[in-house]
Amino acid sequence: MPAAKGAADLDGRVVGLARLTELTPDLVALDQVSTDPAVAGQGVGRWLLEHVVSGCREAGYSAICGTIFRDVAFNGPFYGRLGGVEDPDPHVRHSVRTHA
């Protein structure tokens, strides 16, 4: 999987997407998770991320990493509730890693 995309739809309308890029044979980067503001708080982002983690686990990846914006108030808590943790590697700033 050099790169992959996933989407969530509601009544035939795309309301969210996730995009991944393989970094190594056991590590994939979560490049983006976006949802339509009209469905905020309805679990679309959670569903996308759970779908991505499940697919990565099934594909044999051992970890998922991604970068978040600390100045976006909901980012850290959202990923934290879903198992994301700040990467202790000082060379990777603002990184979140979750084990698949």
N, C-alpha and C. Protein backbone atom coordinates (compact mmCIF):
# COMPACT_ATOMS: atom_id res chain seq x y z
N MET A 1 0.84 -1.17 0.00
CA MET A 1 0.00 0.00 0.00
C MET A 1 0.89 1.24 0.00
N PRO A 2 1.37 1.69 -1.11
CA PRO A 2 2.13 2.95 -1.14
C PRO A 2 1.28 4.13 -0.67
N ALA A 3 0.01 4.15 -1.04
CA ALA A 3 -0.91 5.20 -0.59
C ALA A 3 -2.32 4.62 -0.68
N ALA A 4 -3.19 5.07 0.19
CA ALA A 4 -4.57 4.58 0.18
C ALA A 4 -5.49 5.67 0.68
N LYS A 5 -6.74 5.56 0.29
CA LYS A 5 -7.76 6.51 0.72
C LYS A 5 -8.97 5.73 1.20
N GLY A 6 -9.71 6.33 2.10
CA GLY A 6 -10.97 5.77 2.54
C GLY A 6 -11.97 6.90 2.66
N ALA A 7 -13.24 6.60 2.49
CA ALA A 7 -14.26 7.64 2.57
C ALA A 7 -15.46 7.12 3.34
N ALA A 8 -16.18 8.05 3.93
CA ALA A 8 -17.43 7.73 4.61
C ALA A 8 -18.53 8.47 3.86
N ASP A 9 -19.65 7.79 3.63
CA ASP A 9 -20.74 8.49 2.97
C ASP A 9 -22.02 8.36 3.78
N LEU A 10 -22.86 9.33 3.63
CA LEU A 10 -24.14 9.38 4.30
C LEU A 10 -25.17 9.70 3.24
N ASP A 11 -26.04 8.76 2.98
CA ASP A 11 -27.07 8.94 1.95
C ASP A 11 -26.47 9.32 0.60
N GLY A 12 -25.35 8.67 0.24
CA GLY A 12 -24.72 8.90 -1.05
C GLY A 12 -23.86 10.14 -1.14
N ARG A 13 -23.68 10.86 -0.05
CA ARG A 13 -22.87 12.08 -0.03
C ARG A 13 -21.62 11.81 0.81
N VAL A 14 -20.44 12.10 0.25
CA VAL A 14 -19.19 11.91 0.99
C VAL A 14 -19.15 12.92 2.13
N VAL A 15 -18.97 12.40 3.36
CA VAL A 15 -18.94 13.27 4.53
C VAL A 15 -17.61 13.17 5.29
N GLY A 16 -16.70 12.34 4.81
CA GLY A 16 -15.41 12.23 5.45
C GLY A 16 -14.44 11.44 4.62
N LEU A 17 -13.15 11.69 4.86
CA LEU A 17 -12.13 10.93 4.14
C LEU A 17 -10.90 10.78 5.01
N ALA A 18 -10.15 9.75 4.71
CA ALA A 18 -8.86 9.49 5.35
C ALA A 18 -7.87 9.11 4.25
N ARG A 19 -6.63 9.57 4.41
CA ARG A 19 -5.59 9.26 3.42
C ARG A 19 -4.34 8.78 4.15
N LEU A 20 -3.74 7.70 3.65
CA LEU A 20 -2.57 7.07 4.26
C LEU A 20 -1.44 6.95 3.25
N THR A 21 -0.21 6.92 3.75
CA THR A 21 0.96 6.66 2.92
C THR A 21 1.87 5.68 3.66
N GLU A 22 2.30 4.64 2.97
CA GLU A 22 3.24 3.69 3.57
C GLU A 22 4.62 4.34 3.66
N LEU A 23 5.21 4.32 4.85
CA LEU A 23 6.56 4.85 5.04
C LEU A 23 7.59 3.73 5.02
N THR A 24 7.26 2.62 5.66
CA THR A 24 8.11 1.43 5.67
C THR A 24 7.16 0.23 5.60
N PRO A 25 7.69 -0.97 5.42
CA PRO A 25 6.79 -2.13 5.36
C PRO A 25 5.94 -2.35 6.62
N ASP A 26 6.32 -1.74 7.75
CA ASP A 26 5.50 -1.93 8.95
C ASP A 26 4.97 -0.62 9.53
N LEU A 27 5.17 0.50 8.84
CA LEU A 27 4.73 1.81 9.33
C LEU A 27 4.00 2.58 8.25
N VAL A 28 2.84 3.10 8.60
CA VAL A 28 2.05 3.88 7.67
C VAL A 28 1.77 5.24 8.30
N ALA A 29 1.75 6.28 7.47
CA ALA A 29 1.45 7.63 7.95
C ALA A 29 0.00 7.97 7.65
N LEU A 30 -0.68 8.45 8.65
CA LEU A 30 -2.03 8.96 8.47
C LEU A 30 -1.86 10.41 8.04
N ASP A 31 -2.04 10.66 6.75
CA ASP A 31 -1.82 11.99 6.20
C ASP A 31 -2.95 12.95 6.49
N GLN A 32 -4.17 12.43 6.51
CA GLN A 32 -5.31 13.32 6.67
C GLN A 32 -6.55 12.55 7.10
N VAL A 33 -7.30 13.13 8.00
CA VAL A 33 -8.66 12.70 8.33
C VAL A 33 -9.48 13.97 8.32
N SER A 34 -10.49 14.03 7.48
CA SER A 34 -11.33 15.21 7.38
C SER A 34 -12.78 14.79 7.34
N THR A 35 -13.62 15.60 7.98
CA THR A 35 -15.06 15.35 7.94
C THR A 35 -15.78 16.64 7.60
N ASP A 36 -16.94 16.50 7.02
CA ASP A 36 -17.81 17.63 6.73
C ASP A 36 -18.26 18.24 8.06
N PRO A 37 -18.10 19.54 8.25
CA PRO A 37 -18.54 20.16 9.51
C PRO A 37 -20.00 19.89 9.84
N ALA A 38 -20.82 19.60 8.84
CA ALA A 38 -22.24 19.34 9.07
C ALA A 38 -22.46 18.04 9.86
N VAL A 39 -21.45 17.16 9.89
CA VAL A 39 -21.60 15.90 10.63
C VAL A 39 -20.69 15.85 11.86
N ALA A 40 -20.17 16.99 12.26
CA ALA A 40 -19.29 17.05 13.44
C ALA A 40 -20.02 16.46 14.65
N GLY A 41 -19.29 15.67 15.41
CA GLY A 41 -19.84 15.09 16.62
C GLY A 41 -20.71 13.87 16.41
N GLN A 42 -20.81 13.39 15.17
CA GLN A 42 -21.67 12.25 14.88
C GLN A 42 -20.89 10.95 14.72
N GLY A 43 -19.59 10.98 14.99
CA GLY A 43 -18.79 9.76 14.97
C GLY A 43 -18.18 9.41 13.63
N VAL A 44 -18.27 10.29 12.65
CA VAL A 44 -17.72 10.00 11.32
C VAL A 44 -16.19 9.90 11.39
N GLY A 45 -15.54 10.86 12.03
CA GLY A 45 -14.08 10.82 12.16
C GLY A 45 -13.62 9.61 12.93
N ARG A 46 -14.33 9.29 14.00
CA ARG A 46 -14.01 8.10 14.80
C ARG A 46 -14.13 6.85 13.94
N TRP A 47 -15.22 6.74 13.18
CA TRP A 47 -15.42 5.58 12.32
C TRP A 47 -14.30 5.48 11.30
N LEU A 48 -13.93 6.59 10.67
CA LEU A 48 -12.85 6.57 9.68
C LEU A 48 -11.55 6.10 10.31
N LEU A 49 -11.20 6.65 11.46
CA LEU A 49 -9.95 6.28 12.09
C LEU A 49 -9.96 4.82 12.53
N GLU A 50 -11.07 4.35 13.09
CA GLU A 50 -11.17 2.95 13.48
C GLU A 50 -11.07 2.04 12.25
N HIS A 51 -11.68 2.44 11.14
CA HIS A 51 -11.61 1.69 9.89
C HIS A 51 -10.16 1.62 9.39
N VAL A 52 -9.45 2.75 9.44
CA VAL A 52 -8.06 2.82 9.02
C VAL A 52 -7.19 1.91 9.89
N VAL A 53 -7.34 2.01 11.21
CA VAL A 53 -6.54 1.19 12.12
C VAL A 53 -6.81 -0.29 11.88
N SER A 54 -8.06 -0.66 11.72
CA SER A 54 -8.42 -2.05 11.46
C SER A 54 -7.79 -2.55 10.15
N GLY A 55 -7.89 -1.75 9.10
CA GLY A 55 -7.32 -2.13 7.81
C GLY A 55 -5.80 -2.27 7.88
N CYS A 56 -5.16 -1.37 8.61
CA CYS A 56 -3.70 -1.44 8.76
C CYS A 56 -3.30 -2.68 9.55
N ARG A 57 -4.05 -2.96 10.58
CA ARG A 57 -3.77 -4.17 11.39
C ARG A 57 -3.88 -5.41 10.50
N GLU A 58 -4.96 -5.49 9.73
CA GLU A 58 -5.16 -6.64 8.84
C GLU A 58 -4.07 -6.75 7.79
N ALA A 59 -3.53 -5.61 7.34
CA ALA A 59 -2.48 -5.60 6.33
C ALA A 59 -1.10 -5.89 6.92
N GLY A 60 -1.00 -5.98 8.25
CA GLY A 60 0.26 -6.34 8.88
C GLY A 60 1.12 -5.18 9.35
N TYR A 61 0.60 -3.96 9.32
CA TYR A 61 1.39 -2.82 9.81
C TYR A 61 1.42 -2.86 11.33
N SER A 62 2.56 -2.48 11.89
CA SER A 62 2.69 -2.50 13.35
C SER A 62 2.42 -1.13 13.97
N ALA A 63 2.46 -0.07 13.16
CA ALA A 63 2.23 1.26 13.73
C ALA A 63 1.71 2.22 12.67
N ILE A 64 1.01 3.22 13.17
CA ILE A 64 0.50 4.32 12.35
C ILE A 64 1.01 5.60 12.99
N CYS A 65 1.52 6.51 12.18
CA CYS A 65 1.96 7.79 12.73
C CYS A 65 1.26 8.91 11.97
N GLY A 66 1.26 10.07 12.57
CA GLY A 66 0.65 11.22 11.91
C GLY A 66 1.03 12.48 12.64
N THR A 67 0.83 13.58 12.00
CA THR A 67 1.13 14.87 12.59
C THR A 67 -0.17 15.61 12.82
N ILE A 68 -0.29 16.22 13.99
CA ILE A 68 -1.48 17.01 14.28
C ILE A 68 -1.08 18.45 14.56
N PHE A 69 -2.04 19.32 14.50
CA PHE A 69 -1.82 20.72 14.82
C PHE A 69 -2.23 20.95 16.27
N ARG A 70 -1.29 21.32 17.10
CA ARG A 70 -1.58 21.53 18.52
C ARG A 70 -2.51 22.71 18.75
N ASP A 71 -2.53 23.66 17.83
CA ASP A 71 -3.38 24.83 18.04
C ASP A 71 -4.83 24.60 17.62
N VAL A 72 -5.16 23.41 17.13
CA VAL A 72 -6.54 23.03 16.85
C VAL A 72 -7.02 22.26 18.08
N ALA A 73 -7.92 22.87 18.82
CA ALA A 73 -8.28 22.39 20.15
C ALA A 73 -8.75 20.94 20.21
N PHE A 74 -9.45 20.46 19.19
CA PHE A 74 -10.01 19.11 19.27
C PHE A 74 -9.04 18.03 18.81
N ASN A 75 -7.96 18.38 18.13
CA ASN A 75 -7.05 17.37 17.58
C ASN A 75 -6.48 16.42 18.62
N GLY A 76 -5.75 16.94 19.60
CA GLY A 76 -5.11 16.10 20.60
C GLY A 76 -6.09 15.21 21.34
N PRO A 77 -7.17 15.79 21.89
CA PRO A 77 -8.14 14.95 22.61
C PRO A 77 -8.78 13.89 21.71
N PHE A 78 -9.09 14.23 20.45
CA PHE A 78 -9.71 13.27 19.54
C PHE A 78 -8.81 12.06 19.34
N TYR A 79 -7.55 12.30 18.96
CA TYR A 79 -6.64 11.18 18.72
C TYR A 79 -6.30 10.47 20.02
N GLY A 80 -6.20 11.19 21.12
CA GLY A 80 -5.93 10.57 22.41
C GLY A 80 -7.02 9.60 22.83
N ARG A 81 -8.28 9.98 22.62
CA ARG A 81 -9.38 9.08 22.97
C ARG A 81 -9.35 7.80 22.14
N LEU A 82 -8.73 7.88 20.97
CA LEU A 82 -8.67 6.72 20.08
C LEU A 82 -7.35 5.97 20.18
N GLY A 83 -6.56 6.27 21.21
CA GLY A 83 -5.33 5.52 21.45
C GLY A 83 -4.05 6.19 21.00
N GLY A 84 -4.15 7.36 20.40
CA GLY A 84 -2.94 8.06 19.95
C GLY A 84 -2.15 8.59 21.13
N VAL A 85 -0.84 8.56 21.01
CA VAL A 85 0.05 9.09 22.04
C VAL A 85 1.10 9.95 21.36
N GLU A 86 1.61 10.92 22.10
CA GLU A 86 2.67 11.75 21.54
C GLU A 86 3.94 10.93 21.40
N ASP A 87 4.59 11.02 20.26
CA ASP A 87 5.80 10.28 19.99
C ASP A 87 6.95 10.86 20.82
N PRO A 88 7.65 10.02 21.57
CA PRO A 88 8.75 10.52 22.40
C PRO A 88 10.00 10.89 21.59
N ASP A 89 10.03 10.58 20.30
CA ASP A 89 11.19 10.89 19.46
C ASP A 89 11.31 12.41 19.32
N PRO A 90 12.37 13.00 19.86
CA PRO A 90 12.48 14.47 19.80
C PRO A 90 12.70 15.01 18.40
N HIS A 91 13.01 14.14 17.45
CA HIS A 91 13.26 14.59 16.08
C HIS A 91 11.97 14.68 15.27
N VAL A 92 10.88 14.18 15.81
CA VAL A 92 9.59 14.23 15.11
C VAL A 92 8.66 15.08 15.95
N ARG A 93 8.51 16.34 15.61
CA ARG A 93 7.69 17.26 16.39
C ARG A 93 6.21 17.04 16.12
N HIS A 94 5.40 17.20 17.14
CA HIS A 94 3.95 17.14 17.04
C HIS A 94 3.46 15.82 16.45
N SER A 95 4.11 14.74 16.77
CA SER A 95 3.76 13.46 16.17
C SER A 95 2.84 12.67 17.08
N VAL A 96 1.92 11.95 16.48
CA VAL A 96 1.05 11.06 17.22
C VAL A 96 1.23 9.68 16.63
N ARG A 97 1.37 8.67 17.48
CA ARG A 97 1.56 7.31 17.00
C ARG A 97 0.57 6.42 17.72
N THR A 98 -0.07 5.56 17.00
CA THR A 98 -0.96 4.57 17.62
C THR A 98 -0.57 3.21 17.08
N HIS A 99 -0.51 2.24 17.94
CA HIS A 99 -0.13 0.90 17.50
C HIS A 99 -1.35 0.19 16.93
N ALA A 100 -1.20 -0.33 15.74
CA ALA A 100 -2.30 -1.01 15.05
C ALA A 100 -2.57 -2.35 15.66
